[in-house]
């Protein structure tokens, strides 16, 4: 399955980068260019990193807290609604 449509990068290619030592979306991008164009694949790259034991980046944890995380990816923390602020 394709992860990055902009550069035609598959899940297998991303997994090979992870197996070669990449442990962040930026390192994945250096190896295969996934996530360097429109950015819509970065959440899936983060999920693949998490599935392979890499620590989720802070933006992934923030997305999980705000309830914006990918529903297929298991969040590292339970999602909490953002606090309401008075105007």
C-alpha atoms as a PDB file:
ATOM      1  CA  UNK A   1       0.000   0.000   0.000  1.00  0.00           C
ATOM      2  CA  UNK A   2       1.206   3.514  -0.782  1.00  0.00           C
ATOM      3  CA  UNK A   3       2.004   5.789   2.135  1.00  0.00           C
ATOM      4  CA  UNK A   4       3.189   8.787   0.120  1.00  0.00           C
ATOM      5  CA  UNK A   5       1.371   9.396  -3.138  1.00  0.00           C
ATOM      6  CA  UNK A   6       3.522  12.417  -4.035  1.00  0.00           C
ATOM      7  CA  UNK A   7       6.691  10.310  -4.265  1.00  0.00           C
ATOM      8  CA  UNK A   8       5.116   6.841  -4.773  1.00  0.00           C
ATOM      9  CA  UNK A   9       6.550   5.493  -1.502  1.00  0.00           C
ATOM     10  CA  UNK A  10       5.063   2.265  -0.163  1.00  0.00           C
ATOM     11  CA  UNK A  11       4.734   0.999   3.412  1.00  0.00           C
ATOM     12  CA  UNK A  12       7.433  -1.564   2.643  1.00  0.00           C
ATOM     13  CA  UNK A  13       9.854   1.206   1.672  1.00  0.00           C
ATOM     14  CA  UNK A  14       9.098   3.094   4.896  1.00  0.00           C
ATOM     15  CA  UNK A  15       9.556  -0.121   6.919  1.00  0.00           C
ATOM     16  CA  UNK A  16      12.934  -0.686   5.237  1.00  0.00           C
ATOM     17  CA  UNK A  17      13.995   2.807   6.308  1.00  0.00           C
ATOM     18  CA  UNK A  18      12.891   2.031   9.875  1.00  0.00           C
ATOM     19  CA  UNK A  19      14.785  -1.273   9.800  1.00  0.00           C
ATOM     20  CA  UNK A  20      17.839   0.661   8.573  1.00  0.00           C
ATOM     21  CA  UNK A  21      17.684   2.854  11.702  1.00  0.00           C
ATOM     22  CA  UNK A  22      15.332   5.738  10.915  1.00  0.00           C
ATOM     23  CA  UNK A  23      13.377   6.720  14.023  1.00  0.00           C
ATOM     24  CA  UNK A  24      11.618   9.949  13.029  1.00  0.00           C
ATOM     25  CA  UNK A  25       9.564  11.231  10.092  1.00  0.00           C
ATOM     26  CA  UNK A  26      12.490  13.507   9.177  1.00  0.00           C
ATOM     27  CA  UNK A  27      14.873  10.547   8.948  1.00  0.00           C
ATOM     28  CA  UNK A  28      12.330   8.628   6.857  1.00  0.00           C
ATOM     29  CA  UNK A  29      12.115  11.656   4.543  1.00  0.00           C
ATOM     30  CA  UNK A  30      15.892  11.735   4.106  1.00  0.00           C
ATOM     31  CA  UNK A  31      15.873   8.112   3.013  1.00  0.00           C
ATOM     32  CA  UNK A  32      12.894   7.944   0.643  1.00  0.00           C
ATOM     33  CA  UNK A  33      11.389  11.484   0.412  1.00  0.00           C
ATOM     34  CA  UNK A  34       8.078  10.398   1.980  1.00  0.00           C
ATOM     35  CA  UNK A  35       6.491  13.342   3.784  1.00  0.00           C
ATOM     36  CA  UNK A  36       8.470  16.043   1.981  1.00  0.00           C
ATOM     37  CA  UNK A  37       5.793  17.369  -0.362  1.00  0.00           C
ATOM     38  CA  UNK A  38       2.181  17.802   0.792  1.00  0.00           C
ATOM     39  CA  UNK A  39       2.699  16.198   4.241  1.00  0.00           C
ATOM     40  CA  UNK A  40      -0.542  14.211   4.295  1.00  0.00           C
ATOM     41  CA  UNK A  41       1.400  10.964   4.837  1.00  0.00           C
ATOM     42  CA  UNK A  42       3.287  12.087   7.940  1.00  0.00           C
ATOM     43  CA  UNK A  43       0.637  10.750  10.351  1.00  0.00           C
ATOM     44  CA  UNK A  44       0.848   7.311   8.730  1.00  0.00           C
ATOM     45  CA  UNK A  45       4.652   7.458   8.890  1.00  0.00           C
ATOM     46  CA  UNK A  46       4.380   8.305  12.607  1.00  0.00           C
ATOM     47  CA  UNK A  47       2.031   5.357  13.096  1.00  0.00           C
ATOM     48  CA  UNK A  48       4.464   3.009  11.328  1.00  0.00           C
ATOM     49  CA  UNK A  49       7.286   4.300  13.508  1.00  0.00           C
ATOM     50  CA  UNK A  50       5.160   3.661  16.609  1.00  0.00           C
ATOM     51  CA  UNK A  51       4.324   0.139  15.437  1.00  0.00           C
ATOM     52  CA  UNK A  52       8.047  -0.545  15.153  1.00  0.00           C
ATOM     53  CA  UNK A  53       8.901   0.693  18.633  1.00  0.00           C
ATOM     54  CA  UNK A  54       9.954   4.260  17.903  1.00  0.00           C
ATOM     55  CA  UNK A  55       8.787   6.895  20.348  1.00  0.00           C
ATOM     56  CA  UNK A  56       5.984   9.018  18.878  1.00  0.00           C
ATOM     57  CA  UNK A  57       6.971  12.585  18.147  1.00  0.00           C
ATOM     58  CA  UNK A  58       5.437  15.394  20.259  1.00  0.00           C
ATOM     59  CA  UNK A  59       3.027  16.400  17.493  1.00  0.00           C
ATOM     60  CA  UNK A  60       1.585  12.870  17.436  1.00  0.00           C
ATOM     61  CA  UNK A  61       0.975  13.010  21.190  1.00  0.00           C
ATOM     62  CA  UNK A  62      -0.601  16.460  20.842  1.00  0.00           C
ATOM     63  CA  UNK A  63      -2.871  15.215  18.041  1.00  0.00           C
ATOM     64  CA  UNK A  64      -3.942  12.304  20.257  1.00  0.00           C
ATOM     65  CA  UNK A  65      -4.760  14.686  23.120  1.00  0.00           C
ATOM     66  CA  UNK A  66      -6.847  16.863  20.832  1.00  0.00           C
ATOM     67  CA  UNK A  67      -8.669  13.863  19.403  1.00  0.00           C
ATOM     68  CA  UNK A  68      -7.133  14.390  15.957  1.00  0.00           C
ATOM     69  CA  UNK A  69      -5.057  11.215  15.874  1.00  0.00           C
ATOM     70  CA  UNK A  70      -5.473   8.627  13.144  1.00  0.00           C
ATOM     71  CA  UNK A  71      -8.264   6.303  14.358  1.00  0.00           C
ATOM     72  CA  UNK A  72      -6.326   3.279  13.054  1.00  0.00           C
ATOM     73  CA  UNK A  73      -3.250   4.166  15.107  1.00  0.00           C
ATOM     74  CA  UNK A  74      -3.363   3.426  18.823  1.00  0.00           C
ATOM     75  CA  UNK A  75      -2.781   6.666  20.754  1.00  0.00           C
ATOM     76  CA  UNK A  76      -0.057   6.633  23.381  1.00  0.00           C
ATOM     77  CA  UNK A  77      -2.341   8.534  25.768  1.00  0.00           C
ATOM     78  CA  UNK A  78      -6.130   8.776  25.977  1.00  0.00           C
ATOM     79  CA  UNK A  79      -7.517  11.687  24.010  1.00  0.00           C
ATOM     80  CA  UNK A  80      -8.722  14.582  26.129  1.00  0.00           C
ATOM     81  CA  UNK A  81     -10.787  17.491  24.875  1.00  0.00           C
ATOM     82  CA  UNK A  82      -9.043  20.830  24.721  1.00  0.00           C
ATOM     83  CA  UNK A  83     -10.001  23.180  27.568  1.00  0.00           C
ATOM     84  CA  UNK A  84     -12.426  25.955  26.708  1.00  0.00           C
ATOM     85  CA  UNK A  85     -11.136  29.467  27.072  1.00  0.00           C
ATOM     86  CA  UNK A  86     -13.178  32.505  27.930  1.00  0.00           C
ATOM     87  CA  UNK A  87     -13.165  35.273  25.360  1.00  0.00           C
END
